[in-house]
């Protein structure tokens, strides 16, 4: 058939979809053929093989019913799925049904009949249109998924296009929009429409309901690691390696690095001349304070470096656990714990151990029985009221800081203690702060 209103609309729709959606024209053509075949089946009220031919130059569209006439459906392999059996049956038509289309039909004939598109009717055409839209969406999802599924963890720059229910939508390519959920945003940042933003691709999901979605994050440990990789040539070249990251996004972070070349200081390389390298990263993270730790295989030394400059008097590993009791000088107690327990929590996450901090005076004043209890695996302390530990931490922090009414200051410490208790009881190598993403563990980046 020659171009009519329907084919002109189809031609226009094809060009528009291929341009706006940035999809291959051949892919859209195949989707259109499927859509017209679906409309033809609806018009015929038959689930049979329908083939569509479209002349890309003239725009002629032809739709054919093509089936083999049989006296009975052939046997099928028992290993075939229901969908495979149905697809096979579409290629056959029983003789009695075929005679309704061609009274001279015989068994073994190939029944071929052209179906005029203009006879489809409005409802069938609407079905074709909806089918085409569905296929285009599927193709678009597939393209986004295939493009970004192997780029998880990659640093990317985009532009904020809109906000919706606390989520930011970011343009990262031609007609490709990623989303940054509230959990992936630094709390004290206020990114507005049009703002240029850096983030890492945290996840690429694909579902029939929501489609392919690229999830971005500025709060993950990977983001900080990628910023250092971009800013520090020695890391990009592999001379300096990032061994672990722990973050309280927007406030403070610790990153452990090691050099594969004895002539290169890994910490100095990350800091840069006059601090220019690390300061560039600090600015990108809304003035997030960053502690750079020189990694070592010696766990005890690693812990000391992670809590520096606090003076550690003694360290005792609790047998059969991933917990270490730390005794620090009284003058360094507040510094070792940090505001809201932040410093010790980040250090714990970085080294992969639960760090239980005591002041030197408090530890000295403990009886032998109290010390044994503190050094016992926490599974034996399950019956102890958690308020006892909260009270110890409360008194410890107030004594170190000289502050009264410091309940708010201790929220982080209490959370640390509780999470640490749960980790030991369940004998899992988990982080203390469960609110941090998994990629902030003390694993290799």
Protein backbone atom coordinates (compact mmCIF):
# COMPACT_ATOMS: atom_id res chain seq x y z
CA UNK A 1 0.00 0.00 0.00
CA UNK A 2 1.09 3.57 -0.68
CA UNK A 3 1.64 6.14 2.00
CA UNK A 4 -1.59 7.26 3.61
CA UNK A 5 -2.38 9.04 6.84
CA UNK A 6 -1.40 6.03 8.91
CA UNK A 7 1.96 5.42 7.25
CA UNK A 8 2.78 9.13 7.37
CA UNK A 9 2.12 9.11 11.10
CA UNK A 10 4.26 5.99 11.47
CA UNK A 11 7.08 7.54 9.44
CA UNK A 12 6.97 10.69 11.56
CA UNK A 13 6.88 8.67 14.77
CA UNK A 14 9.88 6.60 13.70
CA UNK A 15 12.01 9.65 12.96
CA UNK A 16 10.96 11.39 16.15
CA UNK A 17 11.67 8.39 18.37
CA UNK A 18 15.04 7.70 16.74
CA UNK A 19 16.07 11.35 17.20
CA UNK A 20 14.71 12.09 20.67
CA UNK A 21 15.55 8.72 22.22
CA UNK A 22 18.90 8.43 20.46
CA UNK A 23 18.10 4.86 19.42
CA UNK A 24 19.12 2.94 16.31
CA UNK A 25 16.61 3.42 13.46
CA UNK A 26 16.83 -0.30 12.57
CA UNK A 27 15.94 -1.21 16.13
CA UNK A 28 12.90 1.08 15.97
CA UNK A 29 11.91 -0.41 12.59
CA UNK A 30 11.91 -3.88 14.11
CA UNK A 31 9.80 -2.60 16.98
CA UNK A 32 7.33 -1.13 14.48
CA UNK A 33 7.10 -4.44 12.63
CA UNK A 34 6.31 -6.21 15.89
CA UNK A 35 3.70 -3.56 16.68
CA UNK A 36 1.96 -3.94 13.31
CA UNK A 37 2.08 -7.73 13.59
CA UNK A 38 0.44 -7.46 17.00
CA UNK A 39 -2.27 -5.20 15.53
CA UNK A 40 -2.85 -7.67 12.70
CA UNK A 41 -3.33 -10.57 15.10
CA UNK A 42 -5.81 -8.48 17.05
CA UNK A 43 -7.67 -7.65 13.82
CA UNK A 44 -7.75 -11.31 12.73
CA UNK A 45 -8.40 -12.54 16.27
CA UNK A 46 -5.77 -15.21 15.61
CA UNK A 47 -2.48 -15.92 17.33
CA UNK A 48 -0.71 -16.94 14.15
CA UNK A 49 2.48 -16.03 12.32
CA UNK A 50 2.24 -12.54 10.84
CA UNK A 51 5.10 -10.98 8.89
CA UNK A 52 5.52 -7.29 8.13
CA UNK A 53 7.48 -5.80 5.23
CA UNK A 54 8.33 -2.08 5.15
CA UNK A 55 10.09 -0.38 2.25
CA UNK A 56 12.30 2.21 3.94
CA UNK A 57 12.58 4.28 0.75
CA UNK A 58 8.97 4.37 -0.50
CA UNK A 59 7.33 3.86 2.86
CA UNK A 60 5.16 1.02 1.52
CA UNK A 61 3.85 -1.23 4.28
CA UNK A 62 2.66 -4.78 3.69
CA UNK A 63 1.37 -7.19 6.32
CA UNK A 64 0.99 -10.91 5.59
CA UNK A 65 -0.49 -13.92 7.33
CA UNK A 66 1.87 -16.81 6.52
CA UNK A 67 1.16 -20.28 7.93
CA UNK A 68 1.52 -23.91 6.91
CA UNK A 69 -1.76 -25.79 6.54
CA UNK A 70 -1.83 -29.06 8.55
CA UNK A 71 -4.36 -31.72 9.40
CA UNK A 72 -3.03 -31.86 12.97
CA UNK A 73 -0.38 -29.98 14.93
CA UNK A 74 3.01 -31.75 14.86
CA UNK A 75 4.42 -33.33 18.00
CA UNK A 76 6.72 -31.19 20.06
CA UNK A 77 9.77 -31.97 22.16
CA UNK A 78 8.89 -32.57 25.80
CA UNK A 79 11.84 -30.43 26.83
CA UNK A 80 10.31 -27.35 25.16
CA UNK A 81 8.80 -24.61 27.31
CA UNK A 82 5.17 -23.50 26.98
CA UNK A 83 6.36 -20.31 25.25
CA UNK A 84 8.39 -22.32 22.72
CA UNK A 85 5.45 -24.60 21.96
CA UNK A 86 3.15 -21.60 21.46
CA UNK A 87 5.69 -19.96 19.12
CA UNK A 88 5.93 -23.18 17.07
CA UNK A 89 2.14 -23.51 16.83
CA UNK A 90 1.89 -19.97 15.44
CA UNK A 91 3.42 -21.24 12.20
CA UNK A 92 0.64 -23.80 11.61
CA UNK A 93 -3.08 -23.61 10.88
CA UNK A 94 -5.55 -26.50 10.87
CA UNK A 95 -7.10 -27.30 7.49
CA UNK A 96 -10.65 -26.50 8.59
CA UNK A 97 -9.55 -23.04 9.82
CA UNK A 98 -7.50 -22.38 6.68
CA UNK A 99 -10.53 -23.00 4.44
CA UNK A 100 -12.19 -19.97 6.04
CA UNK A 101 -9.49 -17.86 4.38
CA UNK A 102 -9.03 -19.97 1.23
CA UNK A 103 -11.60 -22.66 0.41
CA UNK A 104 -9.10 -24.35 -1.92
CA UNK A 105 -6.50 -24.76 0.83
CA UNK A 106 -4.95 -28.24 1.11
CA UNK A 107 -2.80 -29.93 3.74
CA UNK A 108 0.85 -28.95 3.23
CA UNK A 109 0.02 -25.66 1.52
CA UNK A 110 1.63 -22.38 2.56
CA UNK A 111 -1.27 -20.07 3.22
CA UNK A 112 -0.23 -16.49 2.46
CA UNK A 113 -2.68 -13.66 2.70
CA UNK A 114 -2.07 -9.90 2.67
CA UNK A 115 -3.88 -7.95 5.38
CA UNK A 116 -4.61 -4.34 4.37
CA UNK A 117 -3.37 -2.03 7.09
CA UNK A 118 -6.26 0.39 6.52
CA UNK A 119 -8.65 -2.39 7.59
CA UNK A 120 -7.07 -2.70 11.04
CA UNK A 121 -9.39 -0.13 12.54
CA UNK A 122 -8.74 2.51 15.17
CA UNK A 123 -8.48 0.10 18.09
CA UNK A 124 -5.94 -2.12 16.32
CA UNK A 125 -3.89 0.91 15.30
CA UNK A 126 -3.96 2.14 18.90
CA UNK A 127 -2.71 -1.29 19.98
CA UNK A 128 0.14 -1.00 17.49
CA UNK A 129 1.03 2.43 18.82
CA UNK A 130 1.07 1.26 22.45
CA UNK A 131 3.10 -1.79 21.50
CA UNK A 132 5.63 0.42 19.70
CA UNK A 133 5.91 2.74 22.71
CA UNK A 134 6.49 -0.28 24.95
CA UNK A 135 9.19 -1.66 22.68
CA UNK A 136 10.89 1.71 22.46
CA UNK A 137 10.97 1.93 26.27
CA UNK A 138 12.41 -1.58 26.48
CA UNK A 139 15.05 -0.69 23.91
CA UNK A 140 15.89 2.50 25.76
CA UNK A 141 16.19 0.61 29.06
CA UNK A 142 18.39 -1.97 27.40
CA UNK A 143 20.68 0.66 25.93
CA UNK A 144 21.10 2.49 29.25
CA UNK A 145 21.70 -0.77 31.10
CA UNK A 146 24.26 -2.07 28.59
CA UNK A 147 26.05 1.30 28.48
CA UNK A 148 26.46 1.73 32.25
CA UNK A 149 26.32 -1.74 33.83
CA UNK A 150 30.11 -2.11 33.53
CA UNK A 151 30.76 1.42 34.79
CA UNK A 152 29.73 0.92 38.43
CA UNK A 153 32.27 2.73 40.63
CA UNK A 154 33.26 5.14 37.86
CA UNK A 155 33.49 8.87 38.56
CA UNK A 156 31.10 10.87 36.39
CA UNK A 157 30.15 14.52 35.97
CA UNK A 158 26.60 15.66 35.24
CA UNK A 159 24.15 18.51 35.58
CA UNK A 160 21.21 18.60 37.99
CA UNK A 161 18.00 18.75 35.95
CA UNK A 162 15.30 18.50 38.64
CA UNK A 163 14.46 17.38 42.15
CA UNK A 164 11.65 15.05 43.15
CA UNK A 165 10.85 13.77 46.65
CA UNK A 166 14.35 14.60 47.94
CA UNK A 167 15.95 12.79 44.99
CA UNK A 168 18.14 14.64 42.49
CA UNK A 169 17.93 13.83 38.80
CA UNK A 170 21.20 14.36 36.96
CA UNK A 171 21.82 14.49 33.22
CA UNK A 172 24.87 12.31 32.48
CA UNK A 173 24.58 11.96 28.71
CA UNK A 174 22.38 12.62 25.70
CA UNK A 175 18.83 12.02 26.94
CA UNK A 176 20.15 9.90 29.85
CA UNK A 177 19.09 10.90 33.34
CA UNK A 178 20.54 9.34 36.49
CA UNK A 179 19.16 9.67 40.00
CA UNK A 180 20.90 10.55 43.25
CA UNK A 181 18.80 9.39 46.17
CA UNK A 182 18.79 11.21 49.49
CA UNK A 183 21.16 8.58 50.90
CA UNK A 184 23.66 9.45 48.18
CA UNK A 185 23.63 13.19 48.88
CA UNK A 186 25.90 15.00 51.34
CA UNK A 187 23.43 16.33 53.91
CA UNK A 188 24.73 19.87 54.19
CA UNK A 189 24.89 20.38 50.42
CA UNK A 190 22.06 22.15 48.59
CA UNK A 191 22.42 21.32 44.91
CA UNK A 192 20.10 23.33 42.72
CA UNK A 193 18.88 22.87 39.18
CA UNK A 194 21.64 23.52 36.66
CA UNK A 195 24.45 22.81 39.12
CA UNK A 196 27.38 20.74 37.86
CA UNK A 197 27.96 17.76 40.12
CA UNK A 198 30.48 14.94 40.41
CA UNK A 199 29.48 11.51 41.71
CA UNK A 200 30.22 7.82 41.29
CA UNK A 201 27.90 5.34 39.66
CA UNK A 202 26.88 3.28 42.66
CA UNK A 203 24.42 0.92 40.98
CA UNK A 204 22.69 0.23 37.67
CA UNK A 205 19.35 -1.49 38.10
CA UNK A 206 16.99 -2.90 35.51
CA UNK A 207 13.37 -3.84 36.09
CA UNK A 208 10.28 -4.14 33.93
CA UNK A 209 8.38 -1.77 36.19
CA UNK A 210 10.92 0.99 36.80
CA UNK A 211 13.16 0.44 33.79
CA UNK A 212 16.92 0.85 33.73
CA UNK A 213 18.12 3.32 36.33
CA UNK A 214 21.61 4.65 37.03
CA UNK A 215 22.06 5.40 40.75
CA UNK A 216 24.66 8.01 41.72
CA UNK A 217 26.32 8.68 45.07
CA UNK A 218 28.47 11.39 46.64
CA UNK A 219 28.48 9.70 50.07
CA UNK A 220 30.11 6.36 49.33
CA UNK A 221 33.72 5.53 50.07
CA UNK A 222 34.21 4.82 46.37
CA UNK A 223 33.48 8.46 45.57
CA UNK A 224 36.26 9.67 47.85
CA UNK A 225 38.62 7.03 46.45
CA UNK A 226 37.85 8.08 42.87
CA UNK A 227 38.43 11.75 43.70
CA UNK A 228 41.88 10.85 45.03
CA UNK A 229 42.50 8.70 41.97
CA UNK A 230 41.67 11.69 39.76
CA UNK A 231 43.63 14.25 41.77
CA UNK A 232 46.74 12.21 42.67
CA UNK A 233 48.73 10.98 39.62
CA UNK A 234 50.60 8.42 41.73
CA UNK A 235 47.29 6.70 42.54
CA UNK A 236 46.14 6.79 38.93
CA UNK A 237 49.44 5.25 37.85
CA UNK A 238 49.26 2.56 40.54
CA UNK A 239 52.38 3.63 42.43
CA UNK A 240 50.25 4.53 45.45
CA UNK A 241 47.37 2.24 46.37
CA UNK A 242 44.23 3.04 48.36
CA UNK A 243 43.72 0.30 50.97
CA UNK A 244 40.59 1.50 52.72
CA UNK A 245 38.13 4.36 53.17
CA UNK A 246 35.78 5.32 56.01
CA UNK A 247 33.49 8.35 55.83
CA UNK A 248 31.02 10.47 57.70
CA UNK A 249 29.98 12.28 54.50
CA UNK A 250 30.42 16.04 54.57
CA UNK A 251 32.10 16.01 57.98
CA UNK A 252 35.09 13.72 58.25
CA UNK A 253 36.82 10.84 56.49
CA UNK A 254 39.82 8.57 56.84
CA UNK A 255 41.65 7.05 53.90
CA UNK A 256 44.50 4.53 54.11
CA UNK A 257 47.18 4.51 51.43
CA UNK A 258 50.39 2.60 50.80
CA UNK A 259 53.25 3.10 48.35
CA UNK A 260 54.65 0.37 46.13
CA UNK A 261 57.78 2.47 45.68
CA UNK A 262 59.91 3.07 48.78
CA UNK A 263 61.04 6.39 47.34
CA UNK A 264 57.52 7.80 47.37
CA UNK A 265 55.75 8.92 50.54
CA UNK A 266 52.08 7.89 50.02
CA UNK A 267 50.70 10.45 52.48
CA UNK A 268 52.80 13.26 51.01
CA UNK A 269 51.70 12.33 47.49
CA UNK A 270 48.05 12.57 48.54
CA UNK A 271 48.54 15.87 50.36
CA UNK A 272 50.42 17.49 47.50
CA UNK A 273 52.54 20.62 47.40
CA UNK A 274 51.26 22.95 50.12
CA UNK A 275 48.24 20.68 50.47
CA UNK A 276 46.88 21.58 47.03
CA UNK A 277 45.77 18.04 46.14
CA UNK A 278 43.87 17.19 49.29
CA UNK A 279 42.41 20.70 49.53
CA UNK A 280 40.88 20.33 46.07
CA UNK A 281 39.12 17.19 47.30
CA UNK A 282 38.08 18.84 50.56
CA UNK A 283 36.42 21.66 48.61
CA UNK A 284 34.59 19.16 46.39
CA UNK A 285 33.22 17.47 49.52
CA UNK A 286 31.93 20.66 51.15
CA UNK A 287 34.94 20.98 53.47
CA UNK A 288 34.88 17.39 54.67
CA UNK A 289 37.92 16.90 56.89
CA UNK A 290 40.17 14.11 55.58
CA UNK A 291 42.73 12.13 57.60
CA UNK A 292 45.27 10.35 55.40
CA UNK A 293 46.71 7.24 57.07
CA UNK A 294 49.86 5.40 56.04
CA UNK A 295 48.66 1.78 55.79
CA UNK A 296 50.66 -1.11 57.24
CA UNK A 297 50.16 -4.85 57.61
CA UNK A 298 50.93 -4.51 61.33
CA UNK A 299 47.40 -4.22 62.77
CA UNK A 300 48.60 -2.64 66.01
CA UNK A 301 50.58 0.02 64.17
CA UNK A 302 47.66 0.54 61.78
CA UNK A 303 45.33 1.22 64.73
CA UNK A 304 47.81 3.70 66.23
CA UNK A 305 48.05 5.58 62.96
CA UNK A 306 44.29 5.60 62.49
CA UNK A 307 43.78 7.22 65.91
CA UNK A 308 46.73 9.62 65.66
CA UNK A 309 47.63 12.02 67.14
CA UNK A 310 46.02 10.49 70.25
CA UNK A 311 48.67 8.84 72.47
CA UNK A 312 47.83 5.14 72.87
CA UNK A 313 49.25 3.76 76.09
CA UNK A 314 48.24 0.13 75.60
CA UNK A 315 46.29 -2.12 73.24
CA UNK A 316 44.77 -5.48 74.12
CA UNK A 317 43.13 -7.75 71.53
CA UNK A 318 40.08 -9.59 72.87
CA UNK A 319 40.54 -13.30 72.18
CA UNK A 320 38.40 -14.89 69.44
CA UNK A 321 36.88 -11.56 68.45
CA UNK A 322 37.60 -8.60 66.18
CA UNK A 323 37.62 -6.24 69.14
CA UNK A 324 40.58 -4.38 70.58
CA UNK A 325 40.60 -2.55 73.92
CA UNK A 326 42.49 0.73 73.61
CA UNK A 327 43.88 2.61 76.63
CA UNK A 328 44.80 6.21 75.84
CA UNK A 329 46.31 9.01 77.87
CA UNK A 330 43.63 10.93 79.75
CA UNK A 331 44.53 14.15 77.94
CA UNK A 332 43.91 12.44 74.59
CA UNK A 333 40.68 10.66 75.49
CA UNK A 334 38.28 13.21 73.99
CA UNK A 335 40.40 13.45 70.86
CA UNK A 336 40.53 9.68 70.45
CA UNK A 337 36.75 9.35 70.79
CA UNK A 338 35.91 12.44 68.75
CA UNK A 339 32.70 14.42 68.56
CA UNK A 340 29.74 12.03 68.67
CA UNK A 341 32.24 9.16 68.70
CA UNK A 342 33.16 10.08 65.15
CA UNK A 343 36.93 9.54 65.31
CA UNK A 344 36.89 6.13 66.93
CA UNK A 345 34.00 5.02 64.71
CA UNK A 346 35.84 5.95 61.52
CA UNK A 347 39.06 4.39 62.79
CA UNK A 348 37.15 1.19 63.57
CA UNK A 349 35.66 1.11 60.09
CA UNK A 350 39.05 1.75 58.52
CA UNK A 351 40.99 -0.97 60.32
CA UNK A 352 38.12 -3.46 60.41
CA UNK A 353 38.10 -3.92 64.18
CA UNK A 354 35.88 -2.72 67.01
CA UNK A 355 37.93 -0.29 69.07
CA UNK A 356 36.84 -0.02 72.70
CA UNK A 357 38.49 3.11 74.15
CA UNK A 358 39.26 3.73 77.84
CA UNK A 359 41.08 6.54 79.57
CA UNK A 360 44.30 5.57 81.35
CA UNK A 361 43.01 6.59 84.79
CA UNK A 362 39.70 4.77 84.37
CA UNK A 363 41.46 1.58 83.28
CA UNK A 364 43.95 1.74 86.13
CA UNK A 365 41.17 2.18 88.68
CA UNK A 366 39.32 -0.91 87.47
CA UNK A 367 39.56 -4.06 89.56
CA UNK A 368 41.01 -7.20 88.02
CA UNK A 369 37.52 -8.62 87.75
CA UNK A 370 36.28 -5.53 85.87
CA UNK A 371 39.24 -5.71 83.51
CA UNK A 372 38.58 -9.38 82.82
CA UNK A 373 34.97 -8.55 82.10
CA UNK A 374 35.99 -5.79 79.69
CA UNK A 375 38.35 -8.21 77.92
CA UNK A 376 35.85 -11.05 77.71
CA UNK A 377 34.03 -11.82 74.44
CA UNK A 378 30.79 -9.86 74.48
CA UNK A 379 28.62 -12.90 73.92
CA UNK A 380 29.05 -13.57 77.64
CA UNK A 381 27.76 -10.06 78.40
CA UNK A 382 24.42 -10.41 76.61
CA UNK A 383 22.44 -10.36 79.85
CA UNK A 384 23.99 -7.06 80.89
CA UNK A 385 21.68 -4.06 80.66
CA UNK A 386 22.84 -1.93 77.72
CA UNK A 387 22.26 1.16 79.86
CA UNK A 388 25.31 0.15 81.91
CA UNK A 389 27.57 0.59 78.88
CA UNK A 390 25.80 3.80 77.91
CA UNK A 391 26.42 5.14 81.40
CA UNK A 392 30.13 4.30 81.19
CA UNK A 393 30.52 6.05 77.85
CA UNK A 394 28.52 9.02 79.05
CA UNK A 395 30.68 9.46 82.09
CA UNK A 396 33.82 8.84 80.08
CA UNK A 397 33.04 11.50 77.49
CA UNK A 398 31.88 14.08 80.07
CA UNK A 399 34.95 13.50 82.17
CA UNK A 400 37.22 13.92 79.14
CA UNK A 401 35.52 17.03 77.76
CA UNK A 402 34.31 18.63 80.99
CA UNK A 403 30.86 19.04 79.40
CA UNK A 404 27.57 18.52 81.18
CA UNK A 405 24.38 17.39 79.50
CA UNK A 406 26.31 15.74 76.69
CA UNK A 407 23.63 13.21 75.70
CA UNK A 408 23.62 14.45 72.13
CA UNK A 409 27.39 14.18 71.91
CA UNK A 410 27.17 10.53 72.89
CA UNK A 411 24.63 9.38 70.35
CA UNK A 412 27.38 8.30 67.95
CA UNK A 413 29.33 6.54 70.71
CA UNK A 414 26.24 4.69 71.88
CA UNK A 415 25.46 3.59 68.33
CA UNK A 416 29.05 2.47 67.95
CA UNK A 417 28.91 0.42 71.11
CA UNK A 418 25.60 -1.21 70.23
CA UNK A 419 26.66 -2.05 66.67
CA UNK A 420 29.94 -3.39 67.96
CA UNK A 421 28.11 -5.61 70.46
CA UNK A 422 25.86 -7.02 67.74
CA UNK A 423 28.82 -7.68 65.47
CA UNK A 424 30.63 -9.70 68.12
CA UNK A 425 27.58 -11.68 69.20
CA UNK A 426 26.80 -12.73 65.64
CA UNK A 427 30.51 -13.28 64.90
CA UNK A 428 30.37 -11.30 61.67
CA UNK A 429 33.04 -9.07 60.21
CA UNK A 430 30.68 -6.10 59.98
CA UNK A 431 31.23 -2.38 60.32
CA UNK A 432 30.32 -0.60 63.51
CA UNK A 433 28.31 2.11 61.81
CA UNK A 434 25.69 0.18 59.84
CA UNK A 435 24.39 3.38 58.29
CA UNK A 436 27.52 3.61 56.14
CA UNK A 437 27.54 1.82 52.75
CA UNK A 438 29.37 -1.48 52.46
CA UNK A 439 32.05 0.07 50.27
CA UNK A 440 33.31 2.03 53.26
CA UNK A 441 34.73 -1.06 54.88
CA UNK A 442 38.42 -1.62 55.40
CA UNK A 443 38.69 -3.62 52.18
CA UNK A 444 40.83 -2.84 49.17
CA UNK A 445 39.36 -0.18 46.90
